[in-house]
Protein backbone atom coordinates (compact mmCIF):
# COMPACT_ATOMS: atom_id res chain seq x y z
CA MET A 1 16.71 -3.06 -25.81
CA ASP A 2 16.04 -6.24 -23.84
CA ARG A 3 12.28 -6.47 -23.48
CA HIS A 4 12.74 -6.88 -19.70
CA GLU A 5 14.85 -3.73 -19.39
CA ILE A 6 12.85 -0.85 -17.98
CA VAL A 7 13.78 2.57 -19.32
CA PRO A 8 13.71 5.43 -16.77
CA ALA A 9 10.70 7.70 -17.36
CA ASP A 10 12.84 10.67 -18.35
CA ARG A 11 14.54 8.58 -21.05
CA CYS A 12 11.43 6.96 -22.57
CA ALA A 13 11.20 7.58 -26.31
CA SER A 14 8.11 5.52 -27.13
CA MET A 15 4.76 4.61 -25.64
CA SER A 16 5.84 0.96 -25.47
CA GLU A 17 8.67 1.99 -23.13
CA VAL A 18 6.27 4.08 -21.03
CA ARG A 19 3.78 1.21 -20.84
CA ALA A 20 6.48 -1.31 -19.95
CA GLY A 21 7.61 0.95 -17.11
CA ILE A 22 4.07 1.38 -15.80
CA ASP A 23 3.38 -2.36 -16.05
CA ALA A 24 6.57 -3.13 -14.12
CA LEU A 25 5.70 -0.59 -11.43
CA ASP A 26 2.16 -1.94 -11.15
CA ARG A 27 3.59 -5.41 -10.55
CA GLU A 28 5.89 -4.01 -7.84
CA LEU A 29 2.98 -2.17 -6.22
CA VAL A 30 0.87 -5.34 -6.12
CA THR A 31 3.82 -7.21 -4.64
CA LEU A 32 4.15 -4.54 -1.93
CA LEU A 33 0.41 -4.68 -1.22
CA ALA A 34 0.66 -8.44 -0.76
CA ARG A 35 3.52 -7.95 1.71
CA ARG A 36 1.55 -5.26 3.56
CA LEU A 37 -1.45 -7.59 3.88
CA ARG A 38 0.77 -10.25 5.47
CA TYR A 39 1.62 -7.70 8.19
CA ILE A 40 -2.08 -6.97 8.65
CA GLU A 41 -2.63 -10.71 9.10
CA ALA A 42 0.21 -10.80 11.64
CA ALA A 43 -1.47 -7.97 13.54
CA ALA A 44 -4.72 -9.94 13.60
CA ARG A 45 -2.83 -12.91 15.03
CA ILE A 46 -1.00 -10.85 17.66
CA LYS A 47 -3.64 -8.42 18.91
CA PRO A 48 -5.23 -9.65 22.14
CA SER A 49 -8.79 -8.50 21.49
CA ARG A 50 -11.12 -7.51 18.68
CA ASP A 51 -11.37 -4.04 20.22
CA ALA A 52 -7.68 -3.54 19.40
CA VAL A 53 -8.16 -4.04 15.66
CA ARG A 54 -9.42 -0.52 14.87
CA ASP A 55 -6.79 1.87 16.20
CA GLU A 56 -7.63 5.46 15.25
CA TRP A 57 -4.34 6.75 16.69
CA ARG A 58 -2.39 4.38 14.44
CA LYS A 59 -4.50 5.30 11.42
CA ALA A 60 -3.77 9.00 11.99
CA ASP A 61 -0.07 8.20 12.46
CA VAL A 62 0.10 6.28 9.17
CA LEU A 63 -1.73 9.06 7.30
CA SER A 64 0.64 11.65 8.77
CA LYS A 65 3.70 9.65 7.68
CA VAL A 66 2.24 9.22 4.20
CA GLU A 67 1.59 12.96 3.96
CA THR A 68 5.20 13.68 4.93
CA ALA A 69 6.56 11.15 2.45
CA SER A 70 4.34 12.44 -0.35
CA ARG A 71 5.58 15.99 0.23
CA GLU A 72 9.20 14.80 0.21
CA LEU A 73 8.73 12.79 -2.98
CA GLY A 74 6.56 15.24 -4.90
CA VAL A 75 3.42 13.10 -4.89
CA PRO A 76 0.16 15.07 -4.75
CA ALA A 77 -0.93 14.94 -1.11
CA ASP A 78 -4.61 14.57 -2.00
CA LEU A 79 -3.86 11.50 -4.13
CA ALA A 80 -1.80 9.86 -1.39
CA ALA A 81 -4.44 10.68 1.25
CA ARG A 82 -7.26 9.18 -0.83
CA LEU A 83 -5.29 6.03 -1.67
CA TRP A 84 -4.13 5.43 1.90
CA GLU A 85 -7.56 6.11 3.39
CA GLU A 86 -8.94 3.35 1.17
CA LEU A 87 -5.96 1.08 1.87
CA ILE A 88 -6.23 1.53 5.63
CA GLU A 89 -9.98 0.95 5.73
CA TYR A 90 -9.59 -2.17 3.59
CA SER A 91 -6.78 -3.34 5.84
CA ILE A 92 -8.90 -2.85 8.96
CA ALA A 93 -11.75 -4.86 7.43
CA HIS A 94 -9.29 -7.58 6.41
CA GLU A 95 -7.78 -7.62 9.87
CA PHE A 96 -11.23 -8.04 11.45
CA ALA A 97 -11.97 -10.94 9.10
CA VAL A 98 -8.66 -12.66 9.87
CA PHE A 99 -9.00 -11.97 13.61
CA ASP A 100 -12.46 -13.58 13.64
CA GLU A 101 -11.35 -16.51 11.49
CA LEU A 102 -8.39 -17.27 13.76
CA ARG A 103 -10.60 -17.31 16.82
CA SER A 104 -13.59 -19.23 15.48
């Protein structure tokens, strides 16, 4: 096996294959988080006022979509809810920081 080839989870025969798959997925997740943060920064640039940064309707909308996706994909809903709650709150704080920095 090429050391860069990732074996599907249901075909893993060793812990090294499992770990390689997890490591590859972790890298993809971090890459996706970086992309998501760029959109948060774009929001900070586009929003007209600081009052628009925290949008409880949007937060509820995102959490609802995550709940639906987690059900469809067989991800425990409580895990997804906890992760996204943290992600959203971090994103809001980051957006405030970028918003303030852009306007200082």
